[in-house]
């Protein structure tokens, strides 16, 4: 398979996928190394294709839905509070799009998450544990932001209330 054909196949697989695809899975399906896939993803991005790298793999952004409500939540918790925070959001119908910290030297650092259900939370926490990874918020004493997306304002209101009760929500804005 030629390089251009392979990149088109990578893009087609991402478009057809219902969930994130790992570089390892794409590499196996296309019979190349994972590093070749990483390079292909970089070239596709340089060509203007919006591809997110999440902890579970590569994903194309969901189609724009103007009915969705986006908000930024400013949170603070220790490592033990991460599961409570994420479950509070997804159990109320929200999706955690990303995590952002304000690094004292590098400025804003952002990682895509796209966590939208309990299974995603479980998988994310398992990967953190398996890889002995520390949360980004470790750098900022637990303070971080999440961009969250909801279908209805009532769900966002419930999340804000519950995160305040858990003493996780610091402040929030739209």
N, C-alpha and C. Protein backbone atom coordinates (compact mmCIF):
# COMPACT_ATOMS: atom_id res chain seq x y z
N UNK A 1 0.86 -1.18 0.00
CA UNK A 1 0.00 0.00 0.00
C UNK A 1 0.90 1.23 0.00
N UNK A 2 0.60 2.16 -0.88
CA UNK A 2 1.37 3.40 -0.94
C UNK A 2 1.04 4.29 0.25
N UNK A 3 1.96 5.22 0.53
CA UNK A 3 1.82 6.11 1.68
C UNK A 3 0.50 6.87 1.65
N UNK A 4 0.16 7.45 0.51
CA UNK A 4 -1.08 8.23 0.40
C UNK A 4 -2.31 7.35 0.63
N UNK A 5 -2.26 6.12 0.12
CA UNK A 5 -3.37 5.19 0.32
C UNK A 5 -3.52 4.81 1.79
N UNK A 6 -2.38 4.61 2.45
CA UNK A 6 -2.40 4.26 3.87
C UNK A 6 -2.99 5.40 4.69
N UNK A 7 -2.58 6.63 4.41
CA UNK A 7 -3.12 7.77 5.16
C UNK A 7 -4.62 7.91 4.92
N UNK A 8 -5.05 7.66 3.69
CA UNK A 8 -6.49 7.70 3.40
C UNK A 8 -7.21 6.59 4.17
N UNK A 9 -6.56 5.43 4.29
CA UNK A 9 -7.16 4.32 5.04
C UNK A 9 -7.23 4.66 6.53
N UNK A 10 -6.19 5.30 7.08
CA UNK A 10 -6.20 5.72 8.48
C UNK A 10 -7.38 6.66 8.71
N UNK A 11 -7.52 7.65 7.83
CA UNK A 11 -8.61 8.62 7.96
C UNK A 11 -9.97 7.94 7.84
N UNK A 12 -10.11 7.02 6.92
CA UNK A 12 -11.38 6.29 6.74
C UNK A 12 -11.72 5.48 8.00
N UNK A 13 -10.72 4.84 8.58
CA UNK A 13 -10.95 4.06 9.80
C UNK A 13 -11.37 4.97 10.96
N UNK A 14 -10.74 6.13 11.07
CA UNK A 14 -11.11 7.07 12.13
C UNK A 14 -12.53 7.59 11.93
N UNK A 15 -12.91 7.86 10.68
CA UNK A 15 -14.27 8.34 10.39
C UNK A 15 -15.31 7.28 10.72
N UNK A 16 -14.98 6.03 10.49
CA UNK A 16 -15.94 4.94 10.71
C UNK A 16 -15.99 4.48 12.17
N UNK A 17 -14.99 4.84 12.94
CA UNK A 17 -14.89 4.34 14.31
C UNK A 17 -15.94 4.94 15.23
N UNK A 18 -16.48 4.12 16.08
CA UNK A 18 -17.45 4.56 17.10
C UNK A 18 -16.74 4.93 18.39
N UNK A 19 -15.46 4.54 18.51
CA UNK A 19 -14.68 4.83 19.71
C UNK A 19 -13.24 5.10 19.27
N UNK A 20 -12.42 5.65 20.15
CA UNK A 20 -11.02 5.95 19.78
C UNK A 20 -10.28 4.70 19.31
N UNK A 21 -9.38 4.90 18.36
CA UNK A 21 -8.56 3.81 17.84
C UNK A 21 -7.11 4.04 18.26
N UNK A 22 -6.51 3.03 18.84
CA UNK A 22 -5.12 3.17 19.27
C UNK A 22 -4.19 3.08 18.06
N UNK A 23 -3.03 3.69 18.20
CA UNK A 23 -2.02 3.60 17.16
C UNK A 23 -1.60 2.16 16.92
N UNK A 24 -1.55 1.37 17.98
CA UNK A 24 -1.19 -0.04 17.87
C UNK A 24 -2.21 -0.81 17.05
N UNK A 25 -3.49 -0.54 17.29
CA UNK A 25 -4.56 -1.22 16.53
C UNK A 25 -4.52 -0.83 15.05
N UNK A 26 -4.37 0.48 14.79
CA UNK A 26 -4.28 0.93 13.41
C UNK A 26 -3.07 0.30 12.71
N UNK A 27 -1.94 0.25 13.42
CA UNK A 27 -0.73 -0.33 12.84
C UNK A 27 -0.93 -1.79 12.48
N UNK A 28 -1.56 -2.54 13.38
CA UNK A 28 -1.80 -3.96 13.11
C UNK A 28 -2.72 -4.15 11.91
N UNK A 29 -3.78 -3.35 11.85
CA UNK A 29 -4.74 -3.47 10.75
C UNK A 29 -4.11 -3.10 9.41
N UNK A 30 -3.18 -2.16 9.41
CA UNK A 30 -2.57 -1.71 8.16
C UNK A 30 -1.19 -2.32 7.93
N UNK A 31 -0.78 -3.22 8.84
CA UNK A 31 0.47 -3.97 8.72
C UNK A 31 1.69 -3.07 8.58
N UNK A 32 1.75 -2.06 9.48
CA UNK A 32 2.91 -1.18 9.58
C UNK A 32 3.23 -1.00 11.07
N UNK A 33 4.31 -0.30 11.36
CA UNK A 33 4.65 -0.06 12.77
C UNK A 33 3.78 1.06 13.35
N UNK A 34 3.70 1.08 14.67
CA UNK A 34 2.96 2.15 15.34
C UNK A 34 3.59 3.50 15.04
N UNK A 35 4.91 3.54 14.92
CA UNK A 35 5.60 4.80 14.62
C UNK A 35 5.19 5.34 13.24
N UNK A 36 4.95 4.46 12.29
CA UNK A 36 4.47 4.90 10.96
C UNK A 36 3.11 5.56 11.12
N UNK A 37 2.24 4.97 11.94
CA UNK A 37 0.91 5.54 12.18
C UNK A 37 1.03 6.91 12.84
N UNK A 38 1.92 7.03 13.82
CA UNK A 38 2.13 8.32 14.50
C UNK A 38 2.55 9.37 13.46
N UNK A 39 3.44 8.99 12.56
CA UNK A 39 3.85 9.91 11.50
C UNK A 39 2.70 10.27 10.57
N UNK A 40 1.90 9.25 10.21
CA UNK A 40 0.74 9.51 9.35
C UNK A 40 -0.23 10.48 10.01
N UNK A 41 -0.48 10.30 11.29
CA UNK A 41 -1.38 11.18 12.03
C UNK A 41 -0.82 12.61 11.99
N UNK A 42 0.48 12.75 12.19
CA UNK A 42 1.12 14.09 12.16
C UNK A 42 0.95 14.74 10.80
N UNK A 43 1.14 13.98 9.74
CA UNK A 43 0.99 14.52 8.38
C UNK A 43 -0.47 14.91 8.12
N UNK A 44 -1.41 14.05 8.53
CA UNK A 44 -2.83 14.38 8.35
C UNK A 44 -3.19 15.67 9.10
N UNK A 45 -2.67 15.82 10.31
CA UNK A 45 -2.90 17.05 11.07
C UNK A 45 -2.33 18.25 10.34
N UNK A 46 -1.11 18.10 9.80
CA UNK A 46 -0.47 19.20 9.07
C UNK A 46 -1.28 19.57 7.82
N UNK A 47 -2.02 18.61 7.28
CA UNK A 47 -2.88 18.86 6.12
C UNK A 47 -4.22 19.47 6.51
N UNK A 48 -4.40 19.70 7.82
CA UNK A 48 -5.61 20.36 8.28
C UNK A 48 -6.69 19.45 8.85
N UNK A 49 -6.43 18.16 8.94
CA UNK A 49 -7.41 17.24 9.52
C UNK A 49 -7.34 17.36 11.04
N UNK A 50 -8.48 17.58 11.66
CA UNK A 50 -8.53 17.70 13.12
C UNK A 50 -8.63 16.30 13.72
N UNK A 51 -7.54 15.85 14.35
CA UNK A 51 -7.47 14.54 14.98
C UNK A 51 -7.01 14.74 16.41
N UNK A 52 -7.76 14.18 17.35
CA UNK A 52 -7.39 14.28 18.76
C UNK A 52 -6.72 13.00 19.20
N UNK A 53 -5.71 13.14 20.05
CA UNK A 53 -5.06 11.99 20.68
C UNK A 53 -5.55 11.94 22.12
N UNK A 54 -6.30 10.91 22.44
CA UNK A 54 -6.84 10.75 23.79
C UNK A 54 -6.11 9.61 24.48
N UNK A 55 -6.32 9.43 25.78
CA UNK A 55 -5.68 8.29 26.45
C UNK A 55 -6.09 6.93 25.88
N UNK A 56 -7.22 6.88 25.17
CA UNK A 56 -7.70 5.62 24.61
C UNK A 56 -7.39 5.47 23.12
N UNK A 57 -6.85 6.51 22.50
CA UNK A 57 -6.50 6.41 21.09
C UNK A 57 -6.89 7.66 20.33
N UNK A 58 -6.78 7.57 19.01
CA UNK A 58 -7.08 8.70 18.14
C UNK A 58 -8.56 8.77 17.84
N UNK A 59 -9.05 10.00 17.70
CA UNK A 59 -10.46 10.20 17.43
C UNK A 59 -10.64 11.50 16.64
N UNK A 60 -11.63 11.48 15.76
CA UNK A 60 -12.01 12.71 15.08
C UNK A 60 -13.04 13.42 15.94
N UNK A 61 -13.10 14.75 15.88
CA UNK A 61 -14.08 15.46 16.71
C UNK A 61 -15.51 15.10 16.29
N UNK A 62 -16.39 15.10 17.27
CA UNK A 62 -17.80 14.84 16.98
C UNK A 62 -18.32 15.97 16.11
N UNK A 63 -19.31 15.66 15.33
CA UNK A 63 -19.91 16.71 14.52
C UNK A 63 -20.43 17.81 15.42
N UNK A 64 -20.28 19.02 14.94
CA UNK A 64 -20.72 20.17 15.72
C UNK A 64 -22.22 20.07 15.99
N UNK A 65 -22.56 20.21 17.25
CA UNK A 65 -23.96 20.20 17.63
C UNK A 65 -24.21 21.48 18.40
N UNK A 66 -24.86 22.42 17.75
CA UNK A 66 -25.07 23.74 18.35
C UNK A 66 -25.96 23.68 19.59
N UNK A 67 -26.68 22.57 19.78
CA UNK A 67 -27.56 22.45 20.94
C UNK A 67 -26.80 22.10 22.21
N UNK A 68 -25.54 21.70 22.08
CA UNK A 68 -24.76 21.31 23.24
C UNK A 68 -24.32 22.53 24.03
N UNK A 69 -24.24 22.37 25.34
CA UNK A 69 -23.82 23.44 26.25
C UNK A 69 -22.39 23.14 26.67
N UNK A 70 -21.49 24.09 26.44
CA UNK A 70 -20.10 23.96 26.86
C UNK A 70 -19.87 24.83 28.07
N UNK A 71 -19.09 24.33 29.01
CA UNK A 71 -18.73 25.12 30.20
C UNK A 71 -17.33 24.74 30.62
N UNK A 72 -16.70 25.63 31.35
CA UNK A 72 -15.39 25.36 31.93
C UNK A 72 -15.57 25.28 33.44
N UNK A 73 -15.10 24.19 34.02
CA UNK A 73 -15.17 23.99 35.46
C UNK A 73 -13.77 24.08 36.04
N UNK A 74 -13.60 24.91 37.04
CA UNK A 74 -12.32 25.02 37.74
C UNK A 74 -12.42 24.13 38.97
N UNK A 75 -11.54 23.14 39.03
CA UNK A 75 -11.63 22.12 40.07
C UNK A 75 -10.32 22.01 40.84
N UNK A 76 -10.45 21.46 42.04
CA UNK A 76 -9.27 21.15 42.84
C UNK A 76 -9.58 19.94 43.70
N UNK A 77 -8.71 18.95 43.61
CA UNK A 77 -8.84 17.75 44.44
C UNK A 77 -7.51 17.01 44.42
N UNK A 78 -7.39 16.06 45.32
CA UNK A 78 -6.20 15.21 45.32
C UNK A 78 -6.47 14.04 44.36
N UNK A 79 -5.52 13.14 44.27
CA UNK A 79 -5.66 12.03 43.34
C UNK A 79 -6.90 11.19 43.63
N UNK A 80 -7.22 11.04 44.90
CA UNK A 80 -8.39 10.25 45.30
C UNK A 80 -9.70 10.89 44.82
N UNK A 81 -9.70 12.18 44.60
CA UNK A 81 -10.92 12.88 44.17
C UNK A 81 -11.18 12.79 42.68
N UNK A 82 -10.21 12.29 41.91
CA UNK A 82 -10.37 12.25 40.46
C UNK A 82 -11.56 11.41 40.03
N UNK A 83 -11.71 10.24 40.61
CA UNK A 83 -12.82 9.36 40.23
C UNK A 83 -14.16 10.00 40.59
N UNK A 84 -14.27 10.57 41.78
CA UNK A 84 -15.52 11.24 42.19
C UNK A 84 -15.88 12.36 41.21
N UNK A 85 -14.90 13.15 40.85
CA UNK A 85 -15.12 14.27 39.93
C UNK A 85 -15.63 13.78 38.58
N UNK A 86 -14.92 12.83 37.99
CA UNK A 86 -15.29 12.34 36.66
C UNK A 86 -16.65 11.65 36.67
N UNK A 87 -16.90 10.82 37.68
CA UNK A 87 -18.20 10.13 37.76
C UNK A 87 -19.34 11.12 37.97
N UNK A 88 -19.11 12.16 38.75
CA UNK A 88 -20.15 13.17 38.95
C UNK A 88 -20.55 13.78 37.62
N UNK A 89 -19.58 14.07 36.78
CA UNK A 89 -19.87 14.69 35.48
C UNK A 89 -20.59 13.73 34.55
N UNK A 90 -20.05 12.51 34.37
CA UNK A 90 -20.66 11.59 33.41
C UNK A 90 -22.00 11.05 33.91
N UNK A 91 -22.16 10.88 35.23
CA UNK A 91 -23.43 10.37 35.76
C UNK A 91 -24.56 11.39 35.58
N UNK A 92 -24.20 12.64 35.36
CA UNK A 92 -25.21 13.67 35.10
C UNK A 92 -25.33 13.98 33.61
N UNK A 93 -24.82 13.10 32.77
CA UNK A 93 -24.98 13.26 31.33
C UNK A 93 -23.95 14.14 30.66
N UNK A 94 -22.85 14.43 31.34
CA UNK A 94 -21.83 15.29 30.76
C UNK A 94 -20.71 14.52 30.12
N UNK A 95 -19.94 15.23 29.32
CA UNK A 95 -18.73 14.68 28.71
C UNK A 95 -17.56 15.58 29.10
N UNK A 96 -16.50 14.97 29.60
CA UNK A 96 -15.29 15.71 29.96
C UNK A 96 -14.41 15.75 28.70
N UNK A 97 -14.35 16.93 28.10
CA UNK A 97 -13.64 17.07 26.83
C UNK A 97 -12.12 17.07 27.01
N UNK A 98 -11.64 17.74 28.08
CA UNK A 98 -10.21 17.89 28.26
C UNK A 98 -9.87 18.20 29.71
N UNK A 99 -8.59 18.32 29.99
CA UNK A 99 -8.09 18.82 31.25
C UNK A 99 -7.03 19.86 30.90
N UNK A 100 -7.03 20.96 31.63
CA UNK A 100 -6.10 22.06 31.38
C UNK A 100 -5.48 22.47 32.71
N UNK A 101 -4.17 22.68 32.69
CA UNK A 101 -3.51 23.27 33.86
C UNK A 101 -2.75 24.50 33.39
N UNK A 102 -2.51 25.40 34.31
CA UNK A 102 -1.72 26.59 34.02
C UNK A 102 -0.33 26.36 34.62
N UNK A 103 0.61 25.96 33.78
CA UNK A 103 1.98 25.67 34.21
C UNK A 103 2.72 26.99 34.42
N UNK A 104 3.52 27.09 35.49
CA UNK A 104 4.20 28.35 35.77
C UNK A 104 5.21 28.77 34.70
N UNK A 105 5.73 27.83 33.93
CA UNK A 105 6.71 28.17 32.89
C UNK A 105 6.12 28.05 31.49
N UNK A 106 5.43 26.96 31.23
CA UNK A 106 4.93 26.68 29.89
C UNK A 106 3.59 27.33 29.57
N UNK A 107 2.90 27.84 30.57
CA UNK A 107 1.56 28.39 30.34
C UNK A 107 0.53 27.27 30.35
N UNK A 108 -0.54 27.46 29.59
CA UNK A 108 -1.63 26.49 29.59
C UNK A 108 -1.22 25.20 28.89
N UNK A 109 -1.39 24.08 29.59
CA UNK A 109 -1.16 22.75 29.02
C UNK A 109 -2.50 22.03 29.00
N UNK A 110 -2.84 21.47 27.85
CA UNK A 110 -4.15 20.85 27.67
C UNK A 110 -3.99 19.43 27.14
N UNK A 111 -4.81 18.52 27.67
CA UNK A 111 -4.85 17.15 27.18
C UNK A 111 -6.30 16.78 26.88
N UNK A 112 -6.54 16.22 25.72
CA UNK A 112 -7.88 15.77 25.34
C UNK A 112 -8.23 14.52 26.13
N UNK A 113 -9.47 14.43 26.61
CA UNK A 113 -9.92 13.26 27.36
C UNK A 113 -11.11 12.57 26.71
N UNK A 114 -12.15 13.32 26.37
CA UNK A 114 -13.38 12.77 25.78
C UNK A 114 -13.92 11.61 26.61
N UNK A 115 -14.16 11.87 27.87
CA UNK A 115 -14.72 10.88 28.79
C UNK A 115 -16.21 11.15 28.93
N UNK A 116 -17.05 10.17 28.55
CA UNK A 116 -18.49 10.44 28.53
C UNK A 116 -19.35 9.40 29.25
N UNK A 117 -18.72 8.37 29.82
CA UNK A 117 -19.51 7.35 30.51
C UNK A 117 -18.65 6.68 31.59
N UNK A 118 -19.29 5.89 32.43
CA UNK A 118 -18.57 5.20 33.51
C UNK A 118 -17.47 4.30 32.95
N UNK A 119 -17.71 3.66 31.85
CA UNK A 119 -16.70 2.78 31.24
C UNK A 119 -15.46 3.59 30.88
N UNK A 120 -15.65 4.79 30.30
CA UNK A 120 -14.51 5.65 29.96
C UNK A 120 -13.73 6.03 31.22
N UNK A 121 -14.45 6.35 32.31
CA UNK A 121 -13.79 6.71 33.57
C UNK A 121 -12.97 5.53 34.06
N UNK A 122 -13.57 4.34 34.06
CA UNK A 122 -12.88 3.13 34.52
C UNK A 122 -11.62 2.88 33.69
N UNK A 123 -11.74 2.98 32.36
CA UNK A 123 -10.60 2.75 31.47
C UNK A 123 -9.50 3.79 31.70
N UNK A 124 -9.90 5.05 31.86
CA UNK A 124 -8.94 6.13 32.08
C UNK A 124 -8.16 5.90 33.38
N UNK A 125 -8.87 5.60 34.45
CA UNK A 125 -8.22 5.39 35.74
C UNK A 125 -7.33 4.14 35.72
N UNK A 126 -7.78 3.11 35.01
CA UNK A 126 -6.97 1.89 34.89
C UNK A 126 -5.67 2.17 34.13
N UNK A 127 -5.77 2.98 33.09
CA UNK A 127 -4.56 3.33 32.32
C UNK A 127 -3.61 4.17 33.17
N UNK A 128 -4.16 5.11 33.93
CA UNK A 128 -3.33 5.92 34.83
C UNK A 128 -2.58 5.01 35.81
N UNK A 129 -3.31 4.05 36.37
CA UNK A 129 -2.72 3.14 37.35
C UNK A 129 -1.68 2.22 36.70
N UNK A 130 -2.04 1.62 35.58
CA UNK A 130 -1.15 0.69 34.88
C UNK A 130 0.16 1.36 34.49
N UNK A 131 0.07 2.60 34.01
CA UNK A 131 1.26 3.32 33.55
C UNK A 131 1.95 4.10 34.66
N UNK A 132 1.42 4.00 35.88
CA UNK A 132 1.95 4.75 37.03
C UNK A 132 2.04 6.24 36.69
N UNK A 133 1.04 6.73 35.98
CA UNK A 133 1.01 8.12 35.53
C UNK A 133 0.45 9.03 36.62
N UNK A 134 0.99 10.20 36.70
CA UNK A 134 0.51 11.21 37.64
C UNK A 134 -0.41 12.17 36.89
N UNK A 135 -1.46 12.66 37.53
CA UNK A 135 -2.33 13.63 36.86
C UNK A 135 -1.59 14.95 36.63
N UNK A 136 -1.96 15.65 35.57
CA UNK A 136 -1.35 16.95 35.28
C UNK A 136 -1.48 17.90 36.46
N UNK A 137 -2.59 17.81 37.19
CA UNK A 137 -2.86 18.73 38.28
C UNK A 137 -1.89 18.59 39.45
N UNK A 138 -1.06 17.55 39.42
CA UNK A 138 -0.03 17.40 40.44
C UNK A 138 0.90 18.63 40.44
N UNK A 139 1.13 19.18 39.26
CA UNK A 139 2.01 20.34 39.10
C UNK A 139 1.42 21.60 39.74
N UNK A 140 0.10 21.66 39.81
CA UNK A 140 -0.57 22.89 40.26
C UNK A 140 -1.30 22.70 41.59
N UNK A 141 -0.84 21.76 42.39
CA UNK A 141 -1.46 21.55 43.68
C UNK A 141 -2.90 21.08 43.60
N UNK A 142 -3.23 20.39 42.51
CA UNK A 142 -4.58 19.84 42.33
C UNK A 142 -5.52 20.73 41.54
N UNK A 143 -5.13 21.98 41.25
CA UNK A 143 -6.00 22.90 40.52
C UNK A 143 -5.92 22.60 39.02
N UNK A 144 -7.07 22.49 38.39
CA UNK A 144 -7.14 22.24 36.96
C UNK A 144 -8.50 22.66 36.43
N UNK A 145 -8.62 22.72 35.14
CA UNK A 145 -9.88 23.06 34.49
C UNK A 145 -10.32 21.91 33.61
N UNK A 146 -11.62 21.79 33.45
CA UNK A 146 -12.18 20.85 32.49
C UNK A 146 -13.15 21.61 31.60
N UNK A 147 -13.06 21.37 30.30
CA UNK A 147 -14.13 21.78 29.40
C UNK A 147 -15.11 20.62 29.39
N UNK A 148 -16.37 20.92 29.70
CA UNK A 148 -17.39 19.88 29.75
C UNK A 148 -18.51 20.23 28.78
N UNK A 149 -19.22 19.20 28.32
CA UNK A 149 -20.30 19.40 27.35
C UNK A 149 -21.54 18.66 27.85
N UNK A 150 -22.68 19.35 27.76
CA UNK A 150 -23.95 18.80 28.21
C UNK A 150 -25.03 19.05 27.17
N UNK A 151 -26.06 18.22 27.21
CA UNK A 151 -27.22 18.41 26.34
C UNK A 151 -28.22 19.39 26.93
N UNK A 152 -28.21 19.50 28.26
CA UNK A 152 -29.19 20.38 28.89
C UNK A 152 -28.60 21.12 30.08
N UNK A 153 -29.06 22.32 30.28
CA UNK A 153 -28.56 23.20 31.34
C UNK A 153 -28.77 22.60 32.72
N UNK A 154 -29.87 21.86 32.92
CA UNK A 154 -30.16 21.27 34.22
C UNK A 154 -29.07 20.29 34.66
N UNK A 155 -28.50 19.56 33.70
CA UNK A 155 -27.43 18.62 34.02
C UNK A 155 -26.18 19.35 34.47
N UNK A 156 -25.85 20.43 33.79
CA UNK A 156 -24.70 21.24 34.18
C UNK A 156 -24.91 21.83 35.58
N UNK A 157 -26.10 22.31 35.85
CA UNK A 157 -26.42 22.86 37.17
C UNK A 157 -26.25 21.79 38.25
N UNK A 158 -26.71 20.58 37.97
CA UNK A 158 -26.57 19.47 38.93
C UNK A 158 -25.09 19.15 39.19
N UNK A 159 -24.28 19.15 38.15
CA UNK A 159 -22.85 18.86 38.31
C UNK A 159 -22.19 19.94 39.16
N UNK A 160 -22.50 21.18 38.88
CA UNK A 160 -21.91 22.27 39.68
C UNK A 160 -22.28 22.11 41.15
N UNK A 161 -23.54 21.80 41.41
CA UNK A 161 -24.01 21.64 42.80
C UNK A 161 -23.28 20.47 43.47
N UNK A 162 -23.22 19.33 42.79
CA UNK A 162 -22.61 18.14 43.39
C UNK A 162 -21.10 18.32 43.58
N UNK A 163 -20.42 18.96 42.64
CA UNK A 163 -18.99 19.19 42.80
C UNK A 163 -18.70 20.19 43.92
N UNK A 164 -19.61 21.15 44.11
CA UNK A 164 -19.46 22.07 45.26
C UNK A 164 -19.60 21.28 46.57
N UNK A 165 -20.61 20.40 46.63
CA UNK A 165 -20.83 19.59 47.83
C UNK A 165 -19.62 18.71 48.13
N UNK A 166 -18.95 18.24 47.10
CA UNK A 166 -17.75 17.41 47.27
C UNK A 166 -16.51 18.27 47.53
N UNK A 167 -16.69 19.57 47.53
CA UNK A 167 -15.61 20.54 47.72
C UNK A 167 -14.53 20.40 46.65
N UNK A 168 -14.97 20.11 45.43
CA UNK A 168 -14.07 19.99 44.28
C UNK A 168 -14.15 21.23 43.41
N UNK A 169 -15.35 21.76 43.20
CA UNK A 169 -15.52 22.92 42.33
C UNK A 169 -14.98 24.16 43.02
N UNK A 170 -14.09 24.87 42.35
CA UNK A 170 -13.49 26.08 42.90
C UNK A 170 -14.26 27.32 42.45
N UNK A 171 -14.51 27.38 41.18
CA UNK A 171 -15.29 28.46 40.56
C UNK A 171 -15.57 27.95 39.17
N UNK A 172 -16.47 28.55 38.50
CA UNK A 172 -16.72 28.11 37.13
C UNK A 172 -17.22 29.25 36.29
N UNK A 173 -17.12 29.05 35.00
CA UNK A 173 -17.58 30.07 34.05
C UNK A 173 -18.05 29.38 32.79
N UNK A 174 -18.74 30.12 31.95
CA UNK A 174 -19.20 29.55 30.66
C UNK A 174 -18.15 29.73 29.64
